[in-house]
Amino acid sequence: METRDAPVSETYELRVQGHLDDCWSDWLGGLSVRRQEDGTTVLAGPLVDQAGLHGVITRIRDLGLPLLSVQRVGPHSEHR
């Protein structure tokens, strides 16, 4: 059951070609930045809705990074 003090969002993992520095996390909606040995970066974390997801995808496009995959990995509940 969803309550007002425990918003539920979806957790996503987006994989891009190339390595991003950690400093891009804030600009990309607070997603964590995990560089992989294969030369890709996984951006992971909760996004409130589809508009938030599309916003992150737009920013990835604006950086000129090839987007390799987008995966919803499950619900995320933030307790305050």
PDB file of N, CA and C in Angstrom:
ATOM      1  N   MET A   1       0.828  -1.179   0.000  1.00  0.00           N
ATOM      2  CA  MET A   1       0.000   0.000   0.000  1.00  0.00           C
ATOM      3  C   MET A   1       0.876   1.247   0.000  1.00  0.00           C
ATOM      4  N   GLU A   2       0.606   2.182  -0.862  1.00  0.00           N
ATOM      5  CA  GLU A   2       1.392   3.406  -0.977  1.00  0.00           C
ATOM      6  C   GLU A   2       0.842   4.444  -0.018  1.00  0.00           C
ATOM      7  N   THR A   3       1.742   5.090   0.710  1.00  0.00           N
ATOM      8  CA  THR A   3       1.345   6.178   1.606  1.00  0.00           C
ATOM      9  C   THR A   3       2.024   7.456   1.160  1.00  0.00           C
ATOM     10  N   ARG A   4       1.515   8.582   1.611  1.00  0.00           N
ATOM     11  CA  ARG A   4       2.061   9.867   1.190  1.00  0.00           C
ATOM     12  C   ARG A   4       3.485  10.092   1.687  1.00  0.00           C
ATOM     13  N   ASP A   5       3.857   9.536   2.844  1.00  0.00           N
ATOM     14  CA  ASP A   5       5.209   9.758   3.345  1.00  0.00           C
ATOM     15  C   ASP A   5       6.200   8.709   2.847  1.00  0.00           C
ATOM     16  N   ALA A   6       5.794   7.791   2.003  1.00  0.00           N
ATOM     17  CA  ALA A   6       6.698   6.801   1.419  1.00  0.00           C
ATOM     18  C   ALA A   6       6.453   6.715  -0.086  1.00  0.00           C
ATOM     19  N   PRO A   7       6.916   7.774  -0.830  1.00  0.00           N
ATOM     20  CA  PRO A   7       6.668   7.764  -2.269  1.00  0.00           C
ATOM     21  C   PRO A   7       7.342   6.579  -2.945  1.00  0.00           C
ATOM     22  N   VAL A   8       6.666   6.046  -3.944  1.00  0.00           N
ATOM     23  CA  VAL A   8       7.204   4.911  -4.677  1.00  0.00           C
ATOM     24  C   VAL A   8       7.601   5.396  -6.064  1.00  0.00           C
ATOM     25  N   SER A   9       8.791   5.026  -6.460  1.00  0.00           N
ATOM     26  CA  SER A   9       9.250   5.324  -7.801  1.00  0.00           C
ATOM     27  C   SER A   9       9.814   4.031  -8.382  1.00  0.00           C
ATOM     28  N   GLU A  10      10.185   4.072  -9.628  1.00  0.00           N
ATOM     29  CA  GLU A  10      10.763   2.905 -10.282  1.00  0.00           C
ATOM     30  C   GLU A  10      12.284   3.060 -10.322  1.00  0.00           C
ATOM     31  N   THR A  11      12.983   1.960 -10.147  1.00  0.00           N
ATOM     32  CA  THR A  11      14.438   1.970 -10.234  1.00  0.00           C
ATOM     33  C   THR A  11      14.843   1.517 -11.629  1.00  0.00           C
ATOM     34  N   TYR A  12      15.746   2.268 -12.241  1.00  0.00           N
ATOM     35  CA  TYR A  12      16.190   2.002 -13.604  1.00  0.00           C
ATOM     36  C   TYR A  12      17.702   1.853 -13.662  1.00  0.00           C
ATOM     37  N   GLU A  13      18.163   1.132 -14.666  1.00  0.00           N
ATOM     38  CA  GLU A  13      19.565   1.073 -15.035  1.00  0.00           C
ATOM     39  C   GLU A  13      19.665   1.428 -16.513  1.00  0.00           C
ATOM     40  N   LEU A  14      20.451   2.442 -16.796  1.00  0.00           N
ATOM     41  CA  LEU A  14      20.689   2.867 -18.168  1.00  0.00           C
ATOM     42  C   LEU A  14      22.167   2.653 -18.452  1.00  0.00           C
ATOM     43  N   ARG A  15      22.481   2.001 -19.559  1.00  0.00           N
ATOM     44  CA  ARG A  15      23.871   1.736 -19.924  1.00  0.00           C
ATOM     45  C   ARG A  15      24.214   2.596 -21.135  1.00  0.00           C
ATOM     46  N   VAL A  16      25.343   3.309 -21.025  1.00  0.00           N
ATOM     47  CA  VAL A  16      25.811   4.147 -22.122  1.00  0.00           C
ATOM     48  C   VAL A  16      27.220   3.737 -22.510  1.00  0.00           C
ATOM     49  N   GLN A  17      27.592   4.027 -23.765  1.00  0.00           N
ATOM     50  CA  GLN A  17      28.952   3.765 -24.228  1.00  0.00           C
ATOM     51  C   GLN A  17      29.866   4.848 -23.685  1.00  0.00           C
ATOM     52  N   GLY A  18      31.014   4.461 -23.185  1.00  0.00           N
ATOM     53  CA  GLY A  18      31.984   5.418 -22.654  1.00  0.00           C
ATOM     54  C   GLY A  18      31.919   5.485 -21.139  1.00  0.00           C
ATOM     55  N   HIS A  19      32.902   6.162 -20.577  1.00  0.00           N
ATOM     56  CA  HIS A  19      32.969   6.320 -19.122  1.00  0.00           C
ATOM     57  C   HIS A  19      32.620   7.750 -18.740  1.00  0.00           C
ATOM     58  N   LEU A  20      31.727   7.880 -17.783  1.00  0.00           N
ATOM     59  CA  LEU A  20      31.349   9.182 -17.235  1.00  0.00           C
ATOM     60  C   LEU A  20      31.990   9.350 -15.867  1.00  0.00           C
ATOM     61  N   ASP A  21      32.371  10.584 -15.531  1.00  0.00           N
ATOM     62  CA  ASP A  21      32.853  10.882 -14.194  1.00  0.00           C
ATOM     63  C   ASP A  21      31.679  10.960 -13.233  1.00  0.00           C
ATOM     64  N   ASP A  22      31.962  10.766 -11.959  1.00  0.00           N
ATOM     65  CA  ASP A  22      30.921  10.838 -10.923  1.00  0.00           C
ATOM     66  C   ASP A  22      30.221  12.192 -10.877  1.00  0.00           C
ATOM     67  N   CYS A  23      30.907  13.241 -11.314  1.00  0.00           N
ATOM     68  CA  CYS A  23      30.325  14.592 -11.241  1.00  0.00           C
ATOM     69  C   CYS A  23      29.051  14.735 -12.077  1.00  0.00           C
ATOM     70  N   TRP A  24      28.800  13.825 -13.019  1.00  0.00           N
ATOM     71  CA  TRP A  24      27.590  13.895 -13.850  1.00  0.00           C
ATOM     72  C   TRP A  24      26.348  13.379 -13.130  1.00  0.00           C
ATOM     73  N   SER A  25      26.507  12.768 -11.975  1.00  0.00           N
ATOM     74  CA  SER A  25      25.376  12.175 -11.258  1.00  0.00           C
ATOM     75  C   SER A  25      24.260  13.187 -10.999  1.00  0.00           C
ATOM     76  N   ASP A  26      24.596  14.346 -10.459  1.00  0.00           N
ATOM     77  CA  ASP A  26      23.567  15.351 -10.147  1.00  0.00           C
ATOM     78  C   ASP A  26      22.834  15.812 -11.399  1.00  0.00           C
ATOM     79  N   TRP A  27      23.561  16.033 -12.482  1.00  0.00           N
ATOM     80  CA  TRP A  27      22.959  16.507 -13.724  1.00  0.00           C
ATOM     81  C   TRP A  27      22.049  15.453 -14.343  1.00  0.00           C
ATOM     82  N   LEU A  28      22.301  14.190 -14.005  1.00  0.00           N
ATOM     83  CA  LEU A  28      21.503  13.081 -14.541  1.00  0.00           C
ATOM     84  C   LEU A  28      20.503  12.569 -13.501  1.00  0.00           C
ATOM     85  N   GLY A  29      19.910  13.463 -12.754  1.00  0.00           N
ATOM     86  CA  GLY A  29      18.831  13.113 -11.837  1.00  0.00           C
ATOM     87  C   GLY A  29      19.270  12.396 -10.575  1.00  0.00           C
ATOM     88  N   GLY A  30      20.541  12.488 -10.210  1.00  0.00           N
ATOM     89  CA  GLY A  30      21.019  11.840  -8.999  1.00  0.00           C
ATOM     90  C   GLY A  30      21.304  10.352  -9.160  1.00  0.00           C
ATOM     91  N   LEU A  31      21.310   9.875 -10.397  1.00  0.00           N
ATOM     92  CA  LEU A  31      21.604   8.461 -10.627  1.00  0.00           C
ATOM     93  C   LEU A  31      23.055   8.163 -10.270  1.00  0.00           C
ATOM     94  N   SER A  32      23.299   6.979  -9.744  1.00  0.00           N
ATOM     95  CA  SER A  32      24.674   6.583  -9.457  1.00  0.00           C
ATOM     96  C   SER A  32      25.394   6.289 -10.769  1.00  0.00           C
ATOM     97  N   VAL A  33      26.694   6.517 -10.770  1.00  0.00           N
ATOM     98  CA  VAL A  33      27.527   6.327 -11.954  1.00  0.00           C
ATOM     99  C   VAL A  33      28.486   5.175 -11.668  1.00  0.00           C
ATOM    100  N   ARG A  34      28.340   4.087 -12.435  1.00  0.00           N
ATOM    101  CA  ARG A  34      29.215   2.922 -12.246  1.00  0.00           C
ATOM    102  C   ARG A  34      29.919   2.608 -13.565  1.00  0.00           C
ATOM    103  N   ARG A  35      31.216   2.867 -13.593  1.00  0.00           N
ATOM    104  CA  ARG A  35      32.008   2.576 -14.786  1.00  0.00           C
ATOM    105  C   ARG A  35      32.305   1.083 -14.833  1.00  0.00           C
ATOM    106  N   GLN A  36      32.154   0.497 -16.015  1.00  0.00           N
ATOM    107  CA  GLN A  36      32.348  -0.931 -16.216  1.00  0.00           C
ATOM    108  C   GLN A  36      33.669  -1.178 -16.961  1.00  0.00           C
ATOM    109  N   GLU A  37      34.226  -2.358 -16.780  1.00  0.00           N
ATOM    110  CA  GLU A  37      35.487  -2.715 -17.430  1.00  0.00           C
ATOM    111  C   GLU A  37      35.377  -2.774 -18.949  1.00  0.00           C
ATOM    112  N   ASP A  38      34.163  -2.961 -19.462  1.00  0.00           N
ATOM    113  CA  ASP A  38      33.984  -3.072 -20.913  1.00  0.00           C
ATOM    114  C   ASP A  38      33.889  -1.715 -21.615  1.00  0.00           C
ATOM    115  N   GLY A  39      34.157  -0.627 -20.882  1.00  0.00           N
ATOM    116  CA  GLY A  39      34.130   0.697 -21.485  1.00  0.00           C
ATOM    117  C   GLY A  39      32.779   1.365 -21.464  1.00  0.00           C
ATOM    118  N   THR A  40      31.820   0.796 -20.747  1.00  0.00           N
ATOM    119  CA  THR A  40      30.494   1.398 -20.630  1.00  0.00           C
ATOM    120  C   THR A  40      30.309   1.968 -19.226  1.00  0.00           C
ATOM    121  N   THR A  41      29.246   2.733 -19.062  1.00  0.00           N
ATOM    122  CA  THR A  41      28.856   3.261 -17.759  1.00  0.00           C
ATOM    123  C   THR A  41      27.415   2.875 -17.506  1.00  0.00           C
ATOM    124  N   VAL A  42      27.122   2.398 -16.301  1.00  0.00           N
ATOM    125  CA  VAL A  42      25.756   2.112 -15.882  1.00  0.00           C
ATOM    126  C   VAL A  42      25.309   3.237 -14.959  1.00  0.00           C
ATOM    127  N   LEU A  43      24.185   3.854 -15.313  1.00  0.00           N
ATOM    128  CA  LEU A  43      23.550   4.878 -14.496  1.00  0.00           C
ATOM    129  C   LEU A  43      22.359   4.209 -13.834  1.00  0.00           C
ATOM    130  N   ALA A  44      22.309   4.229 -12.507  1.00  0.00           N
ATOM    131  CA  ALA A  44      21.261   3.479 -11.813  1.00  0.00           C
ATOM    132  C   ALA A  44      20.666   4.288 -10.675  1.00  0.00           C
ATOM    133  N   GLY A  45      19.361   4.075 -10.471  1.00  0.00           N
ATOM    134  CA  GLY A  45      18.687   4.700  -9.347  1.00  0.00           C
ATOM    135  C   GLY A  45      17.214   4.917  -9.626  1.00  0.00           C
ATOM    136  N   PRO A  46      16.521   5.479  -8.639  1.00  0.00           N
ATOM    137  CA  PRO A  46      15.079   5.692  -8.777  1.00  0.00           C
ATOM    138  C   PRO A  46      14.752   6.924  -9.615  1.00  0.00           C
ATOM    139  N   LEU A  47      13.694   6.794 -10.405  1.00  0.00           N
ATOM    140  CA  LEU A  47      13.127   7.906 -11.151  1.00  0.00           C
ATOM    141  C   LEU A  47      11.637   7.928 -10.856  1.00  0.00           C
ATOM    142  N   VAL A  48      11.112   9.096 -10.592  1.00  0.00           N
ATOM    143  CA  VAL A  48       9.737   9.229 -10.106  1.00  0.00           C
ATOM    144  C   VAL A  48       8.702   8.768 -11.117  1.00  0.00           C
ATOM    145  N   ASP A  49       8.938   9.087 -12.404  1.00  0.00           N
ATOM    146  CA  ASP A  49       7.930   8.758 -13.411  1.00  0.00           C
ATOM    147  C   ASP A  49       8.568   8.692 -14.791  1.00  0.00           C
ATOM    148  N   GLN A  50       7.740   8.454 -15.799  1.00  0.00           N
ATOM    149  CA  GLN A  50       8.224   8.354 -17.176  1.00  0.00           C
ATOM    150  C   GLN A  50       8.826   9.668 -17.658  1.00  0.00           C
ATOM    151  N   ALA A  51       8.282  10.790 -17.209  1.00  0.00           N
ATOM    152  CA  ALA A  51       8.842  12.088 -17.605  1.00  0.00           C
ATOM    153  C   ALA A  51      10.275  12.219 -17.094  1.00  0.00           C
ATOM    154  N   GLY A  52      10.544  11.750 -15.879  1.00  0.00           N
ATOM    155  CA  GLY A  52      11.898  11.770 -15.335  1.00  0.00           C
ATOM    156  C   GLY A  52      12.835  10.893 -16.143  1.00  0.00           C
ATOM    157  N   LEU A  53      12.359   9.726 -16.544  1.00  0.00           N
ATOM    158  CA  LEU A  53      13.154   8.818 -17.363  1.00  0.00           C
ATOM    159  C   LEU A  53      13.481   9.468 -18.707  1.00  0.00           C
ATOM    160  N   HIS A  54      12.485  10.062 -19.340  1.00  0.00           N
ATOM    161  CA  HIS A  54      12.711  10.702 -20.636  1.00  0.00           C
ATOM    162  C   HIS A  54      13.653  11.894 -20.495  1.00  0.00           C
ATOM    163  N   GLY A  55      13.586  12.599 -19.367  1.00  0.00           N
ATOM    164  CA  GLY A  55      14.505  13.705 -19.119  1.00  0.00           C
ATOM    165  C   GLY A  55      15.948  13.232 -19.057  1.00  0.00           C
ATOM    166  N   VAL A  56      16.191  12.109 -18.376  1.00  0.00           N
ATOM    167  CA  VAL A  56      17.540  11.560 -18.289  1.00  0.00           C
ATOM    168  C   VAL A  56      18.002  11.103 -19.675  1.00  0.00           C
ATOM    169  N   ILE A  57      17.128  10.461 -20.419  1.00  0.00           N
ATOM    170  CA  ILE A  57      17.493  10.006 -21.768  1.00  0.00           C
ATOM    171  C   ILE A  57      17.846  11.204 -22.655  1.00  0.00           C
ATOM    172  N   THR A  58      17.109  12.296 -22.522  1.00  0.00           N
ATOM    173  CA  THR A  58      17.395  13.510 -23.293  1.00  0.00           C
ATOM    174  C   THR A  58      18.762  14.069 -22.932  1.00  0.00           C
ATOM    175  N   ARG A  59      19.106  14.060 -21.645  1.00  0.00           N
ATOM    176  CA  ARG A  59      20.412  14.568 -21.219  1.00  0.00           C
ATOM    177  C   ARG A  59      21.545  13.676 -21.737  1.00  0.00           C
ATOM    178  N   ILE A  60      21.317  12.370 -21.764  1.00  0.00           N
ATOM    179  CA  ILE A  60      22.318  11.449 -22.328  1.00  0.00           C
ATOM    180  C   ILE A  60      22.524  11.779 -23.805  1.00  0.00           C
ATOM    181  N   ARG A  61      21.428  12.024 -24.508  1.00  0.00           N
ATOM    182  CA  ARG A  61      21.517  12.415 -25.926  1.00  0.00           C
ATOM    183  C   ARG A  61      22.292  13.718 -26.077  1.00  0.00           C
ATOM    184  N   ASP A  62      22.006  14.688 -25.198  1.00  0.00           N
ATOM    185  CA  ASP A  62      22.685  15.982 -25.267  1.00  0.00           C
ATOM    186  C   ASP A  62      24.182  15.856 -25.029  1.00  0.00           C
ATOM    187  N   LEU A  63      24.610  14.866 -24.274  1.00  0.00           N
ATOM    188  CA  LEU A  63      26.035  14.609 -24.057  1.00  0.00           C
ATOM    189  C   LEU A  63      26.679  13.920 -25.250  1.00  0.00           C
ATOM    190  N   GLY A  64      25.854  13.435 -26.179  1.00  0.00           N
ATOM    191  CA  GLY A  64      26.372  12.741 -27.354  1.00  0.00           C
ATOM    192  C   GLY A  64      26.815  11.320 -27.064  1.00  0.00           C
ATOM    193  N   LEU A  65      26.286  10.739 -25.975  1.00  0.00           N
ATOM    194  CA  LEU A  65      26.654   9.375 -25.601  1.00  0.00           C
ATOM    195  C   LEU A  65      25.686   8.373 -26.231  1.00  0.00           C
ATOM    196  N   PRO A  66      26.199   7.312 -26.833  1.00  0.00           N
ATOM    197  CA  PRO A  66      25.299   6.269 -27.331  1.00  0.00           C
ATOM    198  C   PRO A  66      24.609   5.564 -26.153  1.00  0.00           C
ATOM    199  N   LEU A  67      23.286   5.523 -26.183  1.00  0.00           N
ATOM    200  CA  LEU A  67      22.492   4.811 -25.185  1.00  0.00           C
ATOM    201  C   LEU A  67      22.394   3.360 -25.630  1.00  0.00           C
ATOM    202  N   LEU A  68      22.913   2.458 -24.808  1.00  0.00           N
ATOM    203  CA  LEU A  68      22.952   1.041 -25.170  1.00  0.00           C
ATOM    204  C   LEU A  68      21.747   0.265 -24.664  1.00  0.00           C
ATOM    205  N   SER A  69      21.260   0.606 -23.453  1.00  0.00           N
ATOM    206  CA  SER A  69      20.101  -0.112 -22.926  1.00  0.00           C
ATOM    207  C   SER A  69      19.449   0.676 -21.801  1.00  0.00           C
ATOM    208  N   VAL A  70      18.161   0.403 -21.608  1.00  0.00           N
ATOM    209  CA  VAL A  70      17.381   0.939 -20.491  1.00  0.00           C
ATOM    210  C   VAL A  70      16.629  -0.237 -19.895  1.00  0.00           C
ATOM    211  N   GLN A  71      16.763  -0.408 -18.586  1.00  0.00           N
ATOM    212  CA  GLN A  71      16.089  -1.527 -17.926  1.00  0.00           C
ATOM    213  C   GLN A  71      15.451  -1.064 -16.629  1.00  0.00           C
ATOM    214  N   ARG A  72      14.170  -1.395 -16.469  1.00  0.00           N
ATOM    215  CA  ARG A  72      13.504  -1.149 -15.182  1.00  0.00           C
ATOM    216  C   ARG A  72      13.812  -2.338 -14.306  1.00  0.00           C
ATOM    217  N   VAL A  73      14.398  -2.080 -13.142  1.00  0.00           N
ATOM    218  CA  VAL A  73      14.804  -3.186 -12.286  1.00  0.00           C
ATOM    219  C   VAL A  73      13.892  -3.363 -11.081  1.00  0.00           C
ATOM    220  N   GLY A  74      12.894  -2.500 -10.912  1.00  0.00           N
ATOM    221  CA  GLY A  74      11.906  -2.724  -9.861  1.00  0.00           C
ATOM    222  C   GLY A  74      11.506  -1.449  -9.159  1.00  0.00           C
ATOM    223  N   PRO A  75      10.542  -1.564  -8.246  1.00  0.00           N
ATOM    224  CA  PRO A  75      10.075  -0.399  -7.485  1.00  0.00           C
ATOM    225  C   PRO A  75      11.103   0.015  -6.447  1.00  0.00           C
ATOM    226  N   HIS A  76      11.075   1.279  -6.100  1.00  0.00           N
ATOM    227  CA  HIS A  76      11.969   1.835  -5.085  1.00  0.00           C
ATOM    228  C   HIS A  76      11.092   2.609  -4.109  1.00  0.00           C
ATOM    229  N   SER A  77      11.214   2.328  -2.847  1.00  0.00           N
ATOM    230  CA  SER A  77      10.454   3.033  -1.829  1.00  0.00           C
ATOM    231  C   SER A  77      11.417   3.841  -0.986  1.00  0.00           C
ATOM    232  N   GLU A  78      11.153   5.152  -0.893  1.00  0.00           N
ATOM    233  CA  GLU A  78      12.007   6.035  -0.120  1.00  0.00           C
ATOM    234  C   GLU A  78      11.288   6.406   1.167  1.00  0.00           C
ATOM    235  N   HIS A  79      11.857   5.988   2.287  1.00  0.00           N
ATOM    236  CA  HIS A  79      11.258   6.306   3.580  1.00  0.00           C
ATOM    237  C   HIS A  79      11.883   7.541   4.151  1.00  0.00           C
ATOM    238  N   ARG A  80      11.047   8.457   4.625  1.00  0.00           N
ATOM    239  CA  ARG A  80      11.538   9.726   5.189  1.00  0.00           C
ATOM    240  C   ARG A  80      11.274   9.763   6.665  1.00  0.00           C
TER     241      ARG A  80
END
